[in-house]
Amino acid sequence: MKLRARLQRLEHSGMFDGHCPACRHRHGTSVTVFSEEKEDGTVTEPEGMPLPCERCGEIPEQVCHVLEVVVASPAAAGD
C-alpha cells in the first residue's frame, strides 16, 4: 500500500476530526440555558452556560438559549 492511500484511509477513518483534543469528548452534545428578560428590557445571564475549553478557549457544545419574556396580563394593564 502506498503512503498516499494510507493517509487517505486515516483521514476518512475519523481519527483526525479537526477538533481540539482537550474538548473532543464535548463535541456533539447540546446544552439548554435559560435567561429572563426583565420589565426594563435587560436580560439576565444565562443559567447553566458551559465553560469554555481551557486549551482552545471555545465552547464546543451546541447551546440552545431559551429567553423567558415576562408579559403583563391584559387584565392587569387595564387597571
N, C-alpha and C. Protein backbone atom coordinates (compact mmCIF):
# COMPACT_ATOMS: atom_id res chain seq x y z
N MET A 1 0.85 -1.18 0.00
CA MET A 1 0.00 0.00 0.00
C MET A 1 0.89 1.24 0.00
N LYS A 2 0.52 2.21 -0.81
CA LYS A 2 1.32 3.42 -0.92
C LYS A 2 0.98 4.38 0.22
N LEU A 3 1.90 5.26 0.51
CA LEU A 3 1.74 6.21 1.61
C LEU A 3 0.52 7.10 1.43
N ARG A 4 0.28 7.59 0.23
CA ARG A 4 -0.87 8.46 -0.03
C ARG A 4 -2.18 7.73 0.27
N ALA A 5 -2.29 6.49 -0.11
CA ALA A 5 -3.50 5.72 0.15
C ALA A 5 -3.68 5.48 1.65
N ARG A 6 -2.60 5.23 2.36
CA ARG A 6 -2.69 5.03 3.81
C ARG A 6 -3.13 6.31 4.50
N LEU A 7 -2.61 7.46 4.08
CA LEU A 7 -3.02 8.73 4.67
C LEU A 7 -4.49 9.02 4.40
N GLN A 8 -4.95 8.73 3.21
CA GLN A 8 -6.36 8.96 2.88
C GLN A 8 -7.25 8.06 3.73
N ARG A 9 -6.85 6.82 3.95
CA ARG A 9 -7.64 5.93 4.80
C ARG A 9 -7.69 6.44 6.24
N LEU A 10 -6.58 6.97 6.74
CA LEU A 10 -6.56 7.52 8.09
C LEU A 10 -7.46 8.75 8.20
N GLU A 11 -7.42 9.61 7.18
CA GLU A 11 -8.25 10.82 7.20
C GLU A 11 -9.73 10.46 7.21
N HIS A 12 -10.12 9.47 6.46
CA HIS A 12 -11.52 9.07 6.35
C HIS A 12 -11.99 8.23 7.54
N SER A 13 -11.07 7.73 8.33
CA SER A 13 -11.45 6.88 9.46
C SER A 13 -12.05 7.68 10.61
N GLY A 14 -11.90 9.00 10.60
CA GLY A 14 -12.44 9.81 11.69
C GLY A 14 -11.46 9.99 12.82
N MET A 15 -10.29 9.45 12.68
CA MET A 15 -9.28 9.58 13.72
C MET A 15 -8.85 11.04 13.87
N PHE A 16 -8.83 11.76 12.78
CA PHE A 16 -8.44 13.16 12.80
C PHE A 16 -9.67 13.99 12.42
N ASP A 17 -10.43 14.40 13.41
CA ASP A 17 -11.67 15.12 13.13
C ASP A 17 -11.50 16.64 13.15
N GLY A 18 -10.30 17.13 13.46
CA GLY A 18 -10.05 18.56 13.41
C GLY A 18 -10.44 19.31 14.67
N HIS A 19 -10.93 18.60 15.69
CA HIS A 19 -11.32 19.26 16.93
C HIS A 19 -10.18 19.22 17.93
N CYS A 20 -10.25 20.12 18.88
CA CYS A 20 -9.25 20.20 19.95
C CYS A 20 -9.26 18.89 20.74
N PRO A 21 -8.11 18.31 21.00
CA PRO A 21 -8.07 17.05 21.75
C PRO A 21 -8.58 17.18 23.19
N ALA A 22 -8.47 18.36 23.76
CA ALA A 22 -8.89 18.55 25.15
C ALA A 22 -10.41 18.57 25.30
N CYS A 23 -11.13 19.02 24.28
CA CYS A 23 -12.59 19.11 24.39
C CYS A 23 -13.31 18.26 23.34
N ARG A 24 -12.61 17.35 22.72
CA ARG A 24 -13.19 16.50 21.67
C ARG A 24 -14.38 15.71 22.19
N HIS A 25 -14.34 15.28 23.46
CA HIS A 25 -15.44 14.48 24.02
C HIS A 25 -16.70 15.31 24.24
N ARG A 26 -16.59 16.64 24.24
CA ARG A 26 -17.75 17.51 24.45
C ARG A 26 -18.46 17.87 23.15
N HIS A 27 -17.83 17.64 21.99
CA HIS A 27 -18.44 17.96 20.70
C HIS A 27 -19.64 17.05 20.45
N GLY A 28 -20.68 17.63 19.88
CA GLY A 28 -21.86 16.85 19.55
C GLY A 28 -22.91 16.84 20.65
N THR A 29 -22.59 17.36 21.82
CA THR A 29 -23.58 17.43 22.89
C THR A 29 -24.29 18.77 22.83
N SER A 30 -25.50 18.82 23.36
CA SER A 30 -26.23 20.08 23.37
C SER A 30 -26.61 20.42 24.80
N VAL A 31 -26.65 21.72 25.07
CA VAL A 31 -26.95 22.23 26.40
C VAL A 31 -28.03 23.29 26.26
N THR A 32 -29.03 23.27 27.13
CA THR A 32 -30.08 24.28 27.12
C THR A 32 -29.85 25.22 28.30
N VAL A 33 -29.79 26.52 28.02
CA VAL A 33 -29.61 27.52 29.06
C VAL A 33 -30.81 28.45 29.05
N PHE A 34 -31.12 29.01 30.21
CA PHE A 34 -32.29 29.86 30.36
C PHE A 34 -31.89 31.25 30.83
N SER A 35 -32.52 32.26 30.24
CA SER A 35 -32.37 33.65 30.67
C SER A 35 -33.76 34.23 30.82
N GLU A 36 -33.83 35.37 31.50
CA GLU A 36 -35.11 36.02 31.71
C GLU A 36 -34.98 37.49 31.33
N GLU A 37 -35.95 37.99 30.57
CA GLU A 37 -35.97 39.41 30.22
C GLU A 37 -36.81 40.13 31.27
N LYS A 38 -36.21 41.12 31.90
CA LYS A 38 -36.92 41.87 32.94
C LYS A 38 -37.79 42.95 32.32
N GLU A 39 -38.60 43.59 33.14
CA GLU A 39 -39.53 44.61 32.65
C GLU A 39 -38.81 45.80 32.03
N ASP A 40 -37.60 46.11 32.51
CA ASP A 40 -36.86 47.25 31.97
C ASP A 40 -36.11 46.92 30.68
N GLY A 41 -36.22 45.69 30.20
CA GLY A 41 -35.62 45.30 28.94
C GLY A 41 -34.26 44.62 29.08
N THR A 42 -33.69 44.57 30.28
CA THR A 42 -32.41 43.90 30.47
C THR A 42 -32.62 42.39 30.53
N VAL A 43 -31.59 41.68 30.17
CA VAL A 43 -31.65 40.22 30.13
C VAL A 43 -30.65 39.68 31.15
N THR A 44 -31.08 38.71 31.95
CA THR A 44 -30.19 38.10 32.94
C THR A 44 -29.18 37.19 32.25
N GLU A 45 -28.10 36.91 32.94
CA GLU A 45 -27.08 36.00 32.42
C GLU A 45 -27.67 34.60 32.30
N PRO A 46 -27.29 33.86 31.26
CA PRO A 46 -27.83 32.50 31.10
C PRO A 46 -27.38 31.59 32.24
N GLU A 47 -28.32 30.81 32.77
CA GLU A 47 -28.00 29.85 33.83
C GLU A 47 -27.63 28.52 33.20
N GLY A 48 -26.54 27.92 33.66
CA GLY A 48 -26.10 26.62 33.17
C GLY A 48 -25.23 26.69 31.94
N MET A 49 -24.65 27.86 31.65
CA MET A 49 -23.79 28.01 30.48
C MET A 49 -22.51 27.18 30.66
N PRO A 50 -22.14 26.34 29.68
CA PRO A 50 -20.92 25.54 29.80
C PRO A 50 -19.68 26.43 29.75
N LEU A 51 -18.63 25.98 30.41
CA LEU A 51 -17.38 26.72 30.44
C LEU A 51 -16.60 26.49 29.14
N PRO A 52 -15.84 27.48 28.70
CA PRO A 52 -15.01 27.28 27.51
C PRO A 52 -13.88 26.28 27.80
N CYS A 53 -13.38 25.69 26.76
CA CYS A 53 -12.25 24.75 26.86
C CYS A 53 -11.02 25.51 27.35
N GLU A 54 -10.27 24.91 28.26
CA GLU A 54 -9.07 25.56 28.79
C GLU A 54 -7.98 25.66 27.74
N ARG A 55 -7.98 24.75 26.78
CA ARG A 55 -6.90 24.71 25.79
C ARG A 55 -7.17 25.63 24.59
N CYS A 56 -8.38 25.54 24.01
CA CYS A 56 -8.66 26.32 22.79
C CYS A 56 -9.52 27.54 23.06
N GLY A 57 -10.19 27.60 24.23
CA GLY A 57 -10.99 28.77 24.58
C GLY A 57 -12.37 28.81 23.95
N GLU A 58 -12.79 27.76 23.27
CA GLU A 58 -14.10 27.73 22.64
C GLU A 58 -15.06 26.85 23.43
N ILE A 59 -16.36 27.09 23.22
CA ILE A 59 -17.40 26.26 23.82
C ILE A 59 -17.82 25.25 22.75
N PRO A 60 -17.46 23.97 22.91
CA PRO A 60 -17.73 23.00 21.84
C PRO A 60 -19.17 22.51 21.77
N GLU A 61 -19.94 22.68 22.84
CA GLU A 61 -21.32 22.19 22.84
C GLU A 61 -22.20 23.08 21.99
N GLN A 62 -23.31 22.52 21.54
CA GLN A 62 -24.34 23.31 20.86
C GLN A 62 -25.22 23.89 21.96
N VAL A 63 -25.31 25.22 22.04
CA VAL A 63 -26.03 25.88 23.11
C VAL A 63 -27.39 26.35 22.59
N CYS A 64 -28.46 25.88 23.25
CA CYS A 64 -29.82 26.33 22.95
C CYS A 64 -30.20 27.33 24.04
N HIS A 65 -30.36 28.58 23.66
CA HIS A 65 -30.64 29.65 24.62
C HIS A 65 -32.14 29.95 24.61
N VAL A 66 -32.79 29.73 25.77
CA VAL A 66 -34.22 29.99 25.91
C VAL A 66 -34.36 31.29 26.67
N LEU A 67 -35.06 32.26 26.07
CA LEU A 67 -35.27 33.55 26.69
C LEU A 67 -36.71 33.64 27.15
N GLU A 68 -36.91 33.76 28.46
CA GLU A 68 -38.24 33.88 29.02
C GLU A 68 -38.60 35.36 29.11
N VAL A 69 -39.69 35.74 28.46
CA VAL A 69 -40.14 37.12 28.47
C VAL A 69 -41.38 37.20 29.34
N VAL A 70 -41.33 38.08 30.35
CA VAL A 70 -42.46 38.25 31.25
C VAL A 70 -43.37 39.32 30.66
N VAL A 71 -44.60 38.93 30.36
CA VAL A 71 -45.57 39.85 29.76
C VAL A 71 -46.71 40.02 30.75
N ALA A 72 -47.08 41.27 30.99
CA ALA A 72 -48.20 41.53 31.90
C ALA A 72 -49.49 41.07 31.25
N SER A 73 -50.41 40.57 32.07
CA SER A 73 -51.69 40.11 31.53
C SER A 73 -52.53 41.30 31.09
N PRO A 74 -53.43 41.14 30.13
CA PRO A 74 -54.26 42.26 29.68
C PRO A 74 -55.14 42.82 30.80
N ALA A 75 -55.57 41.98 31.74
CA ALA A 75 -56.41 42.44 32.84
C ALA A 75 -55.63 43.38 33.75
N ALA A 76 -54.34 43.10 33.96
CA ALA A 76 -53.52 43.95 34.81
C ALA A 76 -53.23 45.29 34.12
N ALA A 77 -53.12 45.28 32.81
CA ALA A 77 -52.83 46.52 32.09
C ALA A 77 -54.03 47.45 32.07
N GLY A 78 -55.24 46.90 32.16
CA GLY A 78 -56.45 47.72 32.13
C GLY A 78 -56.75 48.42 33.44
N ASP A 79 -56.11 47.99 34.53
CA ASP A 79 -56.37 48.60 35.84
C ASP A 79 -55.76 49.96 36.00
